N, C-alpha and C. Protein backbone atom coordinates (compact mmCIF):
# COMPACT_ATOMS: atom_id res chain seq x y z
N MET A 1 0.84 -1.20 0.00
CA MET A 1 0.00 0.00 0.00
C MET A 1 0.87 1.24 0.00
N LYS A 2 0.62 2.13 -0.94
CA LYS A 2 1.37 3.39 -1.01
C LYS A 2 0.64 4.44 -0.17
N SER A 3 1.40 5.21 0.58
CA SER A 3 0.79 6.19 1.48
C SER A 3 1.47 7.54 1.34
N ALA A 4 0.77 8.56 1.81
CA ALA A 4 1.30 9.93 1.83
C ALA A 4 0.95 10.56 3.16
N VAL A 5 1.86 11.33 3.71
CA VAL A 5 1.64 12.08 4.95
C VAL A 5 1.62 13.56 4.61
N ILE A 6 0.55 14.24 4.99
CA ILE A 6 0.44 15.68 4.76
C ILE A 6 1.18 16.40 5.89
N VAL A 7 2.03 17.35 5.54
CA VAL A 7 2.83 18.07 6.52
C VAL A 7 2.37 19.53 6.58
N PHE A 8 1.96 19.95 7.77
CA PHE A 8 1.55 21.33 8.02
C PHE A 8 2.55 21.98 8.98
N PRO A 9 2.73 23.29 8.92
CA PRO A 9 3.57 23.96 9.92
C PRO A 9 2.96 23.82 11.30
N GLY A 10 3.78 23.44 12.27
CA GLY A 10 3.31 23.29 13.63
C GLY A 10 3.03 21.87 14.06
N LEU A 11 3.03 20.92 13.11
CA LEU A 11 2.84 19.53 13.51
C LEU A 11 4.06 19.05 14.29
N ASN A 12 3.83 18.13 15.21
CA ASN A 12 4.96 17.55 15.94
C ASN A 12 4.88 16.03 16.04
N ARG A 13 3.90 15.44 15.35
CA ARG A 13 3.78 13.99 15.39
C ARG A 13 3.93 13.38 14.00
N ASP A 14 4.34 14.20 13.03
CA ASP A 14 4.48 13.68 11.68
C ASP A 14 5.58 12.64 11.59
N ARG A 15 6.70 12.85 12.31
CA ARG A 15 7.80 11.88 12.24
C ARG A 15 7.40 10.55 12.87
N ASP A 16 6.58 10.60 13.92
CA ASP A 16 6.09 9.36 14.52
C ASP A 16 5.26 8.58 13.51
N MET A 17 4.40 9.27 12.78
CA MET A 17 3.55 8.61 11.79
C MET A 17 4.38 8.06 10.63
N ILE A 18 5.35 8.85 10.18
CA ILE A 18 6.23 8.39 9.10
C ILE A 18 6.96 7.13 9.52
N ALA A 19 7.47 7.10 10.76
CA ALA A 19 8.19 5.93 11.25
C ALA A 19 7.28 4.71 11.32
N ALA A 20 6.05 4.90 11.79
CA ALA A 20 5.12 3.78 11.90
C ALA A 20 4.79 3.20 10.52
N LEU A 21 4.46 4.07 9.58
CA LEU A 21 4.11 3.60 8.24
C LEU A 21 5.30 2.92 7.57
N THR A 22 6.49 3.44 7.78
CA THR A 22 7.68 2.84 7.17
C THR A 22 7.98 1.48 7.77
N LYS A 23 7.92 1.37 9.09
CA LYS A 23 8.24 0.11 9.76
C LYS A 23 7.23 -0.98 9.41
N ILE A 24 5.97 -0.63 9.33
CA ILE A 24 4.95 -1.64 9.12
C ILE A 24 4.78 -2.00 7.65
N SER A 25 4.90 -1.02 6.77
CA SER A 25 4.71 -1.30 5.34
C SER A 25 6.01 -1.66 4.63
N GLY A 26 7.15 -1.24 5.22
CA GLY A 26 8.43 -1.46 4.57
C GLY A 26 8.77 -0.40 3.55
N THR A 27 7.87 0.57 3.38
CA THR A 27 8.08 1.63 2.40
C THR A 27 7.77 2.98 3.04
N ALA A 28 8.67 3.93 2.89
CA ALA A 28 8.45 5.25 3.46
C ALA A 28 7.31 5.95 2.72
N PRO A 29 6.45 6.66 3.44
CA PRO A 29 5.37 7.39 2.78
C PRO A 29 5.91 8.60 2.03
N ALA A 30 5.17 9.04 1.03
CA ALA A 30 5.49 10.31 0.38
C ALA A 30 5.13 11.44 1.34
N LEU A 31 5.94 12.49 1.37
CA LEU A 31 5.66 13.65 2.20
C LEU A 31 5.12 14.76 1.32
N VAL A 32 3.96 15.30 1.69
CA VAL A 32 3.28 16.30 0.88
C VAL A 32 3.13 17.57 1.71
N TRP A 33 3.72 18.66 1.26
CA TRP A 33 3.63 19.94 1.95
C TRP A 33 2.23 20.52 1.75
N HIS A 34 1.72 21.19 2.78
CA HIS A 34 0.33 21.65 2.77
C HIS A 34 0.02 22.64 1.66
N GLN A 35 1.02 23.31 1.13
CA GLN A 35 0.81 24.26 0.05
C GLN A 35 0.92 23.63 -1.34
N ASP A 36 1.24 22.34 -1.38
CA ASP A 36 1.33 21.66 -2.68
C ASP A 36 -0.04 21.62 -3.34
N ALA A 37 -0.02 21.56 -4.66
CA ALA A 37 -1.27 21.61 -5.42
C ALA A 37 -1.81 20.23 -5.77
N ASP A 38 -1.02 19.18 -5.50
CA ASP A 38 -1.48 17.85 -5.91
C ASP A 38 -0.95 16.79 -4.96
N LEU A 39 -1.59 15.63 -5.01
CA LEU A 39 -1.18 14.47 -4.24
C LEU A 39 -0.65 13.41 -5.18
N PRO A 40 0.35 12.64 -4.76
CA PRO A 40 0.78 11.51 -5.57
C PRO A 40 -0.30 10.43 -5.59
N ASP A 41 -0.12 9.45 -6.45
CA ASP A 41 -1.07 8.35 -6.55
C ASP A 41 -0.83 7.38 -5.39
N VAL A 42 -1.66 7.46 -4.37
CA VAL A 42 -1.48 6.64 -3.17
C VAL A 42 -2.80 5.99 -2.78
N ASP A 43 -2.70 5.01 -1.88
CA ASP A 43 -3.88 4.30 -1.39
C ASP A 43 -4.37 4.87 -0.06
N LEU A 44 -3.47 5.57 0.65
CA LEU A 44 -3.78 6.08 1.98
C LEU A 44 -3.17 7.46 2.15
N VAL A 45 -3.98 8.40 2.61
CA VAL A 45 -3.51 9.75 2.94
C VAL A 45 -3.66 9.92 4.45
N VAL A 46 -2.58 10.37 5.10
CA VAL A 46 -2.60 10.51 6.56
C VAL A 46 -2.32 11.96 6.94
N ILE A 47 -3.15 12.47 7.84
CA ILE A 47 -2.90 13.78 8.44
C ILE A 47 -2.55 13.53 9.91
N PRO A 48 -1.31 13.74 10.29
CA PRO A 48 -0.87 13.40 11.65
C PRO A 48 -1.22 14.47 12.67
N GLY A 49 -0.77 14.25 13.90
CA GLY A 49 -1.11 15.14 15.00
C GLY A 49 -0.09 16.24 15.24
N GLY A 50 -0.43 17.12 16.14
CA GLY A 50 0.43 18.24 16.48
C GLY A 50 -0.41 19.50 16.72
N PHE A 51 0.14 20.61 16.34
CA PHE A 51 -0.53 21.89 16.57
C PHE A 51 -0.41 22.75 15.32
N SER A 52 -1.08 22.34 14.24
CA SER A 52 -0.98 23.06 12.98
C SER A 52 -1.33 24.53 13.19
N TYR A 53 -0.45 25.39 12.69
CA TYR A 53 -0.62 26.85 12.82
C TYR A 53 -0.81 27.28 14.27
N GLY A 54 -0.22 26.52 15.20
CA GLY A 54 -0.29 26.89 16.60
C GLY A 54 -1.67 26.81 17.21
N ASP A 55 -2.60 26.11 16.53
CA ASP A 55 -3.98 26.00 17.00
C ASP A 55 -4.67 27.36 17.11
N TYR A 56 -4.24 28.34 16.32
CA TYR A 56 -4.91 29.64 16.34
C TYR A 56 -6.31 29.51 15.73
N LEU A 57 -7.19 30.44 16.06
CA LEU A 57 -8.61 30.42 15.70
C LEU A 57 -9.27 29.23 16.38
N ARG A 58 -9.34 28.10 15.71
CA ARG A 58 -9.76 26.82 16.28
C ARG A 58 -8.77 25.77 15.81
N CYS A 59 -8.64 24.71 16.59
CA CYS A 59 -7.70 23.65 16.20
C CYS A 59 -8.06 23.11 14.82
N GLY A 60 -7.13 23.20 13.89
CA GLY A 60 -7.34 22.66 12.55
C GLY A 60 -8.03 23.59 11.59
N ALA A 61 -8.51 24.74 12.06
CA ALA A 61 -9.32 25.62 11.21
C ALA A 61 -8.53 26.20 10.06
N ILE A 62 -7.29 26.63 10.32
CA ILE A 62 -6.47 27.21 9.25
C ILE A 62 -5.97 26.11 8.32
N ALA A 63 -5.49 25.01 8.90
CA ALA A 63 -4.97 23.91 8.08
C ALA A 63 -6.03 23.37 7.13
N ALA A 64 -7.28 23.33 7.57
CA ALA A 64 -8.36 22.80 6.73
C ALA A 64 -8.57 23.60 5.46
N ARG A 65 -8.04 24.83 5.44
CA ARG A 65 -8.19 25.70 4.27
C ARG A 65 -6.93 25.77 3.44
N SER A 66 -5.98 24.90 3.71
CA SER A 66 -4.76 24.83 2.90
C SER A 66 -5.08 24.25 1.53
N PRO A 67 -4.30 24.61 0.50
CA PRO A 67 -4.58 24.15 -0.86
C PRO A 67 -4.68 22.63 -0.99
N ILE A 68 -3.85 21.88 -0.26
CA ILE A 68 -3.83 20.43 -0.45
C ILE A 68 -5.13 19.78 -0.01
N MET A 69 -5.91 20.45 0.85
CA MET A 69 -7.12 19.82 1.37
C MET A 69 -8.19 19.65 0.30
N ASP A 70 -8.16 20.47 -0.74
CA ASP A 70 -9.08 20.25 -1.85
C ASP A 70 -8.81 18.90 -2.50
N LYS A 71 -7.53 18.56 -2.64
CA LYS A 71 -7.17 17.28 -3.23
C LYS A 71 -7.51 16.12 -2.30
N VAL A 72 -7.34 16.34 -0.99
CA VAL A 72 -7.70 15.30 -0.03
C VAL A 72 -9.20 15.01 -0.12
N ARG A 73 -10.01 16.06 -0.22
CA ARG A 73 -11.47 15.87 -0.35
C ARG A 73 -11.79 15.11 -1.63
N ASP A 74 -11.12 15.46 -2.73
CA ASP A 74 -11.36 14.78 -4.01
C ASP A 74 -11.02 13.30 -3.91
N ARG A 75 -9.86 13.01 -3.32
CA ARG A 75 -9.43 11.61 -3.21
C ARG A 75 -10.39 10.82 -2.31
N ALA A 76 -10.80 11.44 -1.20
CA ALA A 76 -11.73 10.76 -0.31
C ALA A 76 -13.04 10.46 -1.02
N ALA A 77 -13.53 11.39 -1.82
CA ALA A 77 -14.77 11.19 -2.57
C ALA A 77 -14.65 10.05 -3.56
N ASN A 78 -13.41 9.79 -4.02
CA ASN A 78 -13.16 8.71 -4.97
C ASN A 78 -12.74 7.41 -4.31
N GLY A 79 -12.86 7.35 -2.99
CA GLY A 79 -12.64 6.09 -2.29
C GLY A 79 -11.28 5.87 -1.69
N VAL A 80 -10.36 6.83 -1.88
CA VAL A 80 -9.04 6.69 -1.26
C VAL A 80 -9.20 6.79 0.26
N LYS A 81 -8.45 5.98 0.99
CA LYS A 81 -8.55 6.00 2.45
C LYS A 81 -7.81 7.21 3.01
N VAL A 82 -8.43 7.84 4.00
CA VAL A 82 -7.85 9.01 4.66
C VAL A 82 -7.91 8.78 6.16
N LEU A 83 -6.77 8.99 6.82
CA LEU A 83 -6.67 8.81 8.27
C LEU A 83 -6.20 10.12 8.90
N GLY A 84 -6.94 10.61 9.89
CA GLY A 84 -6.54 11.80 10.63
C GLY A 84 -6.43 11.47 12.10
N VAL A 85 -5.27 11.74 12.69
CA VAL A 85 -5.02 11.41 14.10
C VAL A 85 -4.82 12.70 14.89
N CYS A 86 -5.59 12.87 15.96
CA CYS A 86 -5.49 14.00 16.88
C CYS A 86 -5.72 15.32 16.12
N ASN A 87 -4.69 16.12 15.90
CA ASN A 87 -4.90 17.35 15.13
C ASN A 87 -5.40 17.02 13.73
N GLY A 88 -5.00 15.85 13.21
CA GLY A 88 -5.52 15.41 11.92
C GLY A 88 -7.02 15.18 11.95
N PHE A 89 -7.53 14.65 13.06
CA PHE A 89 -8.97 14.48 13.25
C PHE A 89 -9.65 15.86 13.27
N GLN A 90 -9.06 16.80 13.98
CA GLN A 90 -9.61 18.15 14.04
C GLN A 90 -9.64 18.79 12.64
N ILE A 91 -8.59 18.56 11.87
CA ILE A 91 -8.52 19.12 10.51
C ILE A 91 -9.60 18.49 9.62
N LEU A 92 -9.81 17.18 9.74
CA LEU A 92 -10.83 16.52 8.93
C LEU A 92 -12.22 17.05 9.24
N ILE A 93 -12.49 17.34 10.50
CA ILE A 93 -13.79 17.92 10.87
C ILE A 93 -13.92 19.34 10.31
N GLU A 94 -12.88 20.14 10.49
CA GLU A 94 -12.91 21.51 9.98
C GLU A 94 -13.03 21.54 8.45
N ALA A 95 -12.51 20.53 7.78
CA ALA A 95 -12.55 20.46 6.32
C ALA A 95 -13.87 19.89 5.81
N GLY A 96 -14.77 19.48 6.71
CA GLY A 96 -16.06 18.95 6.30
C GLY A 96 -16.04 17.49 5.90
N LEU A 97 -14.92 16.79 6.14
CA LEU A 97 -14.83 15.38 5.79
C LEU A 97 -15.44 14.48 6.84
N LEU A 98 -15.60 15.00 8.05
CA LEU A 98 -16.24 14.27 9.14
C LEU A 98 -17.16 15.23 9.88
N PRO A 99 -18.26 14.71 10.46
CA PRO A 99 -19.22 15.58 11.14
C PRO A 99 -18.86 15.83 12.60
N GLY A 100 -19.53 16.80 13.20
CA GLY A 100 -19.38 17.06 14.62
C GLY A 100 -18.36 18.14 14.91
N ALA A 101 -17.92 18.18 16.17
CA ALA A 101 -16.96 19.18 16.62
C ALA A 101 -16.09 18.58 17.71
N LEU A 102 -14.86 19.08 17.80
CA LEU A 102 -13.95 18.70 18.88
C LEU A 102 -13.70 19.92 19.74
N MET A 103 -14.25 19.88 20.95
CA MET A 103 -14.21 21.03 21.83
C MET A 103 -13.12 20.87 22.88
N ARG A 104 -12.95 21.92 23.70
CA ARG A 104 -11.99 21.88 24.80
C ARG A 104 -12.30 20.72 25.74
N ASN A 105 -11.27 20.04 26.21
CA ASN A 105 -11.47 18.96 27.17
C ASN A 105 -12.32 19.45 28.35
N MET A 106 -13.14 18.58 28.87
CA MET A 106 -14.02 18.97 29.96
C MET A 106 -13.24 19.48 31.17
N SER A 107 -12.06 18.96 31.37
CA SER A 107 -11.23 19.39 32.50
C SER A 107 -10.59 20.76 32.26
N LEU A 108 -10.65 21.24 31.00
CA LEU A 108 -9.99 22.47 30.57
C LEU A 108 -8.47 22.37 30.67
N LYS A 109 -7.96 21.15 30.71
CA LYS A 109 -6.53 20.92 30.80
C LYS A 109 -6.05 20.03 29.65
N PHE A 110 -4.78 20.23 29.27
CA PHE A 110 -4.14 19.31 28.32
C PHE A 110 -4.00 17.95 28.99
N VAL A 111 -4.33 16.89 28.24
CA VAL A 111 -4.28 15.54 28.79
C VAL A 111 -3.27 14.72 28.00
N CYS A 112 -2.33 14.11 28.70
CA CYS A 112 -1.33 13.23 28.08
C CYS A 112 -1.22 11.99 28.95
N ARG A 113 -1.81 10.90 28.47
CA ARG A 113 -1.82 9.67 29.26
C ARG A 113 -2.21 8.51 28.36
N GLU A 114 -2.19 7.33 28.91
CA GLU A 114 -2.68 6.16 28.21
C GLU A 114 -4.15 5.93 28.56
N VAL A 115 -4.94 5.54 27.57
CA VAL A 115 -6.35 5.23 27.79
C VAL A 115 -6.64 3.83 27.27
N LYS A 116 -7.85 3.34 27.56
CA LYS A 116 -8.35 2.10 26.99
C LYS A 116 -9.37 2.45 25.92
N LEU A 117 -9.33 1.71 24.82
CA LEU A 117 -10.27 1.90 23.73
C LEU A 117 -11.01 0.61 23.45
N GLU A 118 -12.31 0.73 23.19
CA GLU A 118 -13.10 -0.40 22.69
C GLU A 118 -13.23 -0.26 21.19
N VAL A 119 -12.99 -1.35 20.47
CA VAL A 119 -13.18 -1.36 19.02
C VAL A 119 -14.67 -1.48 18.77
N ALA A 120 -15.29 -0.40 18.34
CA ALA A 120 -16.75 -0.36 18.21
C ALA A 120 -17.24 -0.92 16.89
N ASN A 121 -16.39 -0.93 15.86
CA ASN A 121 -16.76 -1.51 14.57
C ASN A 121 -15.50 -2.10 13.96
N ALA A 122 -15.41 -3.42 13.98
CA ALA A 122 -14.23 -4.11 13.45
C ALA A 122 -14.41 -4.54 12.01
N ALA A 123 -15.53 -4.16 11.39
CA ALA A 123 -15.84 -4.62 10.03
C ALA A 123 -15.50 -3.55 9.00
N THR A 124 -14.32 -2.92 9.14
CA THR A 124 -13.87 -1.92 8.16
C THR A 124 -12.42 -2.18 7.82
N ASP A 125 -11.95 -1.58 6.73
CA ASP A 125 -10.55 -1.74 6.35
C ASP A 125 -9.60 -1.23 7.43
N PHE A 126 -10.02 -0.19 8.15
CA PHE A 126 -9.17 0.38 9.19
C PHE A 126 -9.07 -0.50 10.43
N THR A 127 -10.14 -1.22 10.73
CA THR A 127 -10.22 -1.91 12.02
C THR A 127 -10.25 -3.43 11.91
N ARG A 128 -10.06 -3.98 10.72
CA ARG A 128 -10.18 -5.43 10.55
C ARG A 128 -9.06 -6.20 11.25
N GLY A 129 -8.02 -5.51 11.68
CA GLY A 129 -6.96 -6.16 12.44
C GLY A 129 -7.36 -6.43 13.88
N TYR A 130 -8.51 -5.93 14.30
CA TYR A 130 -9.02 -6.12 15.65
C TYR A 130 -10.27 -6.99 15.61
N THR A 131 -10.76 -7.36 16.78
CA THR A 131 -12.04 -8.05 16.88
C THR A 131 -13.08 -7.12 17.48
N GLN A 132 -14.33 -7.36 17.14
CA GLN A 132 -15.41 -6.52 17.64
C GLN A 132 -15.42 -6.51 19.16
N GLY A 133 -15.44 -5.32 19.75
CA GLY A 133 -15.48 -5.18 21.19
C GLY A 133 -14.14 -5.34 21.88
N GLN A 134 -13.08 -5.57 21.12
CA GLN A 134 -11.75 -5.73 21.73
C GLN A 134 -11.35 -4.47 22.48
N ILE A 135 -10.71 -4.62 23.61
CA ILE A 135 -10.21 -3.50 24.39
C ILE A 135 -8.70 -3.40 24.17
N ILE A 136 -8.25 -2.25 23.74
CA ILE A 136 -6.84 -2.03 23.48
C ILE A 136 -6.33 -0.82 24.26
N ARG A 137 -5.03 -0.73 24.42
CA ARG A 137 -4.39 0.43 25.04
C ARG A 137 -4.00 1.40 23.94
N CYS A 138 -3.99 2.69 24.26
CA CYS A 138 -3.54 3.69 23.29
C CYS A 138 -3.25 5.00 24.01
N PRO A 139 -2.17 5.70 23.65
CA PRO A 139 -1.89 6.99 24.28
C PRO A 139 -2.71 8.12 23.66
N VAL A 140 -2.99 9.14 24.47
CA VAL A 140 -3.61 10.37 23.99
C VAL A 140 -2.76 11.55 24.43
N ALA A 141 -2.85 12.64 23.68
CA ALA A 141 -2.16 13.89 24.05
C ALA A 141 -2.87 15.04 23.34
N HIS A 142 -3.81 15.67 24.04
CA HIS A 142 -4.59 16.73 23.40
C HIS A 142 -5.24 17.65 24.43
N HIS A 143 -5.63 18.80 23.94
CA HIS A 143 -6.30 19.81 24.76
C HIS A 143 -7.75 20.02 24.31
N ASP A 144 -8.02 19.65 23.06
CA ASP A 144 -9.35 19.87 22.47
C ASP A 144 -9.81 18.58 21.79
N GLY A 145 -10.15 17.59 22.62
CA GLY A 145 -10.56 16.29 22.08
C GLY A 145 -11.94 15.87 22.48
N ASN A 146 -12.72 16.79 23.02
CA ASN A 146 -14.06 16.51 23.53
C ASN A 146 -15.03 16.47 22.36
N TYR A 147 -15.32 15.27 21.84
CA TYR A 147 -16.16 15.15 20.65
C TYR A 147 -17.62 15.40 20.99
N PHE A 148 -18.27 16.19 20.12
CA PHE A 148 -19.68 16.49 20.28
C PHE A 148 -20.35 16.51 18.92
N ALA A 149 -21.59 16.03 18.87
CA ALA A 149 -22.43 16.12 17.68
C ALA A 149 -23.87 16.28 18.14
N ASP A 150 -24.69 16.94 17.32
CA ASP A 150 -26.10 17.09 17.68
C ASP A 150 -26.78 15.72 17.66
N SER A 151 -27.98 15.67 18.23
CA SER A 151 -28.66 14.38 18.43
C SER A 151 -28.92 13.65 17.11
N GLU A 152 -29.25 14.39 16.05
CA GLU A 152 -29.52 13.76 14.76
C GLU A 152 -28.24 13.14 14.19
N THR A 153 -27.15 13.91 14.23
CA THR A 153 -25.87 13.39 13.72
C THR A 153 -25.41 12.21 14.55
N LEU A 154 -25.56 12.31 15.86
CA LEU A 154 -25.13 11.22 16.74
C LEU A 154 -25.92 9.95 16.45
N ALA A 155 -27.21 10.09 16.21
CA ALA A 155 -28.04 8.93 15.90
C ALA A 155 -27.59 8.26 14.60
N ARG A 156 -27.20 9.07 13.60
CA ARG A 156 -26.71 8.49 12.34
C ARG A 156 -25.39 7.78 12.56
N LEU A 157 -24.50 8.39 13.31
CA LEU A 157 -23.20 7.76 13.57
C LEU A 157 -23.38 6.41 14.25
N GLU A 158 -24.22 6.40 15.27
CA GLU A 158 -24.43 5.16 16.02
C GLU A 158 -25.18 4.13 15.19
N GLY A 159 -26.21 4.57 14.49
CA GLY A 159 -27.04 3.64 13.72
C GLY A 159 -26.35 3.05 12.52
N ASP A 160 -25.42 3.79 11.93
CA ASP A 160 -24.73 3.34 10.72
C ASP A 160 -23.38 2.69 11.01
N GLY A 161 -23.09 2.45 12.27
CA GLY A 161 -21.82 1.81 12.59
C GLY A 161 -20.61 2.67 12.30
N ARG A 162 -20.78 3.97 12.46
CA ARG A 162 -19.69 4.89 12.11
C ARG A 162 -18.85 5.33 13.31
N VAL A 163 -19.14 4.80 14.47
CA VAL A 163 -18.24 4.98 15.61
C VAL A 163 -17.17 3.90 15.52
N ALA A 164 -15.94 4.31 15.39
CA ALA A 164 -14.84 3.36 15.22
C ALA A 164 -14.30 2.87 16.55
N PHE A 165 -14.05 3.81 17.45
CA PHE A 165 -13.47 3.49 18.77
C PHE A 165 -14.20 4.30 19.84
N ARG A 166 -14.30 3.70 21.03
CA ARG A 166 -14.82 4.40 22.20
C ARG A 166 -13.80 4.29 23.34
N TYR A 167 -13.75 5.33 24.15
CA TYR A 167 -12.98 5.23 25.38
C TYR A 167 -13.66 4.21 26.28
N ALA A 168 -12.87 3.32 26.87
CA ALA A 168 -13.43 2.21 27.63
C ALA A 168 -12.93 2.21 29.07
N GLU A 169 -13.66 1.50 29.90
CA GLU A 169 -13.28 1.23 31.29
C GLU A 169 -13.04 2.52 32.08
N GLY A 170 -13.88 3.52 31.81
CA GLY A 170 -13.81 4.76 32.57
C GLY A 170 -12.61 5.63 32.28
N THR A 171 -11.99 5.47 31.10
CA THR A 171 -10.77 6.22 30.79
C THR A 171 -11.01 7.40 29.85
N ASN A 172 -12.28 7.76 29.62
CA ASN A 172 -12.57 8.92 28.76
C ASN A 172 -11.80 10.15 29.30
N PRO A 173 -10.85 10.70 28.52
CA PRO A 173 -9.99 11.75 29.06
C PRO A 173 -10.50 13.17 28.82
N ASN A 174 -11.61 13.30 28.09
CA ASN A 174 -12.00 14.63 27.63
C ASN A 174 -13.49 14.95 27.73
N GLY A 175 -14.32 13.97 28.06
CA GLY A 175 -15.76 14.20 28.14
C GLY A 175 -16.53 13.95 26.87
N SER A 176 -15.91 13.32 25.88
CA SER A 176 -16.57 13.08 24.59
C SER A 176 -17.92 12.39 24.78
N ILE A 177 -18.91 12.87 24.03
CA ILE A 177 -20.24 12.30 24.08
C ILE A 177 -20.19 10.83 23.67
N ASN A 178 -20.93 9.98 24.38
CA ASN A 178 -20.97 8.54 24.13
C ASN A 178 -19.59 7.89 24.15
N ASP A 179 -18.65 8.54 24.82
CA ASP A 179 -17.27 8.03 24.92
C ASP A 179 -16.61 7.87 23.54
N ILE A 180 -17.02 8.66 22.57
CA ILE A 180 -16.51 8.51 21.21
C ILE A 180 -15.05 8.98 21.12
N ALA A 181 -14.20 8.09 20.60
CA ALA A 181 -12.78 8.40 20.40
C ALA A 181 -12.41 8.50 18.93
N GLY A 182 -13.25 7.94 18.04
CA GLY A 182 -12.96 7.99 16.61
C GLY A 182 -14.19 7.66 15.80
N ILE A 183 -14.31 8.29 14.64
CA ILE A 183 -15.50 8.09 13.78
C ILE A 183 -15.10 7.95 12.32
N PHE A 184 -16.02 7.36 11.55
CA PHE A 184 -15.88 7.22 10.10
C PHE A 184 -16.81 8.20 9.37
N ASN A 185 -16.49 8.43 8.10
CA ASN A 185 -17.44 9.10 7.21
C ASN A 185 -18.48 8.08 6.74
N GLU A 186 -19.40 8.48 5.89
CA GLU A 186 -20.47 7.58 5.47
C GLU A 186 -19.93 6.37 4.72
N LYS A 187 -18.91 6.55 3.89
CA LYS A 187 -18.35 5.43 3.12
C LYS A 187 -17.38 4.59 3.93
N LYS A 188 -17.02 5.07 5.11
CA LYS A 188 -16.07 4.40 6.01
C LYS A 188 -14.67 4.29 5.39
N ASN A 189 -14.35 5.21 4.48
CA ASN A 189 -12.98 5.26 3.97
C ASN A 189 -12.20 6.44 4.56
N VAL A 190 -12.86 7.21 5.44
CA VAL A 190 -12.20 8.28 6.18
C VAL A 190 -12.38 8.00 7.66
N LEU A 191 -11.26 7.97 8.38
CA LEU A 191 -11.28 7.73 9.83
C LEU A 191 -10.56 8.86 10.54
N GLY A 192 -11.21 9.43 11.55
CA GLY A 192 -10.57 10.39 12.43
C GLY A 192 -10.62 9.88 13.86
N LEU A 193 -9.51 9.96 14.58
CA LEU A 193 -9.49 9.55 15.98
C LEU A 193 -8.52 10.41 16.75
N MET A 194 -8.82 10.63 18.03
CA MET A 194 -7.95 11.44 18.88
C MET A 194 -6.74 10.67 19.40
N PRO A 195 -6.86 9.41 19.82
CA PRO A 195 -5.69 8.68 20.31
C PRO A 195 -4.64 8.46 19.21
N HIS A 196 -3.43 8.10 19.64
CA HIS A 196 -2.27 7.98 18.74
C HIS A 196 -1.84 6.52 18.59
N PRO A 197 -2.44 5.75 17.68
CA PRO A 197 -2.02 4.35 17.50
C PRO A 197 -0.58 4.22 17.01
N GLU A 198 -0.07 5.25 16.33
CA GLU A 198 1.30 5.19 15.81
C GLU A 198 2.35 5.19 16.92
N ASN A 199 1.93 5.53 18.13
CA ASN A 199 2.86 5.58 19.25
C ASN A 199 2.81 4.34 20.13
N LEU A 200 2.17 3.28 19.63
CA LEU A 200 2.16 2.01 20.36
C LEU A 200 2.15 0.86 19.34
N ILE A 201 3.28 0.72 18.62
CA ILE A 201 3.34 -0.29 17.56
C ILE A 201 4.45 -1.32 17.75
N GLU A 202 5.28 -1.18 18.79
CA GLU A 202 6.39 -2.10 18.97
C GLU A 202 6.81 -2.15 20.43
N ALA A 203 7.62 -3.13 20.76
CA ALA A 203 8.03 -3.34 22.15
C ALA A 203 8.70 -2.11 22.74
N ALA A 204 9.46 -1.38 21.91
CA ALA A 204 10.15 -0.18 22.40
C ALA A 204 9.17 0.88 22.88
N HIS A 205 7.93 0.81 22.43
CA HIS A 205 6.89 1.74 22.86
C HIS A 205 6.19 1.27 24.14
N GLY A 206 6.48 0.05 24.55
CA GLY A 206 5.79 -0.50 25.71
C GLY A 206 4.58 -1.35 25.34
N GLY A 207 4.39 -1.61 24.06
CA GLY A 207 3.26 -2.41 23.59
C GLY A 207 3.02 -2.19 22.12
N SER A 208 2.13 -2.99 21.55
CA SER A 208 1.90 -2.91 20.11
C SER A 208 0.42 -2.89 19.75
N ASP A 209 -0.43 -2.41 20.67
CA ASP A 209 -1.87 -2.43 20.42
C ASP A 209 -2.28 -1.57 19.24
N GLY A 210 -1.51 -0.54 18.91
CA GLY A 210 -1.86 0.32 17.79
C GLY A 210 -1.47 -0.24 16.44
N ARG A 211 -0.63 -1.25 16.43
CA ARG A 211 -0.07 -1.76 15.19
C ARG A 211 -1.14 -2.34 14.25
N ALA A 212 -2.15 -2.98 14.84
CA ALA A 212 -3.15 -3.66 14.01
C ALA A 212 -3.94 -2.71 13.14
N LEU A 213 -4.05 -1.44 13.53
CA LEU A 213 -4.75 -0.49 12.66
C LEU A 213 -4.01 -0.37 11.33
N PHE A 214 -2.69 -0.28 11.40
CA PHE A 214 -1.89 -0.13 10.18
C PHE A 214 -1.72 -1.46 9.45
N SER A 215 -1.44 -2.53 10.18
CA SER A 215 -1.24 -3.82 9.54
C SER A 215 -2.54 -4.32 8.92
N GLY A 216 -3.70 -3.97 9.55
CA GLY A 216 -4.97 -4.35 8.97
C GLY A 216 -5.20 -3.66 7.64
N LEU A 217 -4.84 -2.38 7.56
CA LEU A 217 -4.95 -1.66 6.29
C LEU A 217 -4.10 -2.30 5.21
N LEU A 218 -2.93 -2.81 5.62
CA LEU A 218 -2.00 -3.42 4.68
C LEU A 218 -2.31 -4.88 4.38
N GLY A 219 -3.31 -5.43 5.09
CA GLY A 219 -3.65 -6.82 4.89
C GLY A 219 -2.63 -7.77 5.46
N GLN A 220 -1.87 -7.32 6.48
CA GLN A 220 -0.85 -8.14 7.11
C GLN A 220 -1.36 -8.68 8.44
N ALA A 221 -0.68 -9.68 8.95
CA ALA A 221 -0.95 -10.16 10.29
C ALA A 221 -0.41 -9.13 11.28
N ALA A 222 -1.17 -8.87 12.35
CA ALA A 222 -0.74 -7.89 13.34
C ALA A 222 0.50 -8.34 14.08
C-alpha cells in the first residue's frame, strides 16, 4: 500500500507517523507539503497530529483551508482511504470530511496519558486487524478532544456503525459524548481519531496495540 503524509507547519507527530508507516509497510510514505497543489497516486492519505498553525482560531481551522485539502477531499470522494489522528482528526472535521466538533477537554486541561479503547466496529478496512469489542491500550495527548455532535448526527453515527473506537473502562480523558474516540465518514474510507495508535506499535513503545490499525490496512498479520 502506497501512502502519503500531509505536513503542516506546527505539527509535531508527523515523524512518529512516518516511522510507523515505514516500519509496518516497509516503504516510506510520500511527504506532501500543505501548500502543494497535488497528491501523488497513493492508497492512503494521513494527516498526523500536532498543533498546525499553533492552533490559532480553532484547532485545525487554518490547516483545513490549505490548498492540499481540496485534493484530499477529491481523493476521499473517490474512495481513497484518509486517516486523521489527533490534530488530523480536528482538521478533517474543519474540512467537512467528518461531522461534529472537537471542543476543549471537559477538564480544561491538556491531557497526556494512556487510555483504553473499545473497538466499536471491526468490520472496516481500518479496524479489521481487531475483533469486535476488543479492548486495546492507546496513548492520547490533546487539549481539544471533547467530541460532540447534535442528536440527529449522533443517531446516524451510532445507527450506521460509524463509531470506530470508544474510550473504555472509565478512561474517557476529555468528556466526549458517548465516549466517542474515533469516527468514520459515510463510506467508512475516512477515519478520524484522537488517540495515537502510531505511538504504540512495537516493544520499544511498551506495547503494540496500535499496530493492528496499520497492519490491517496493509492486509498483514498484526
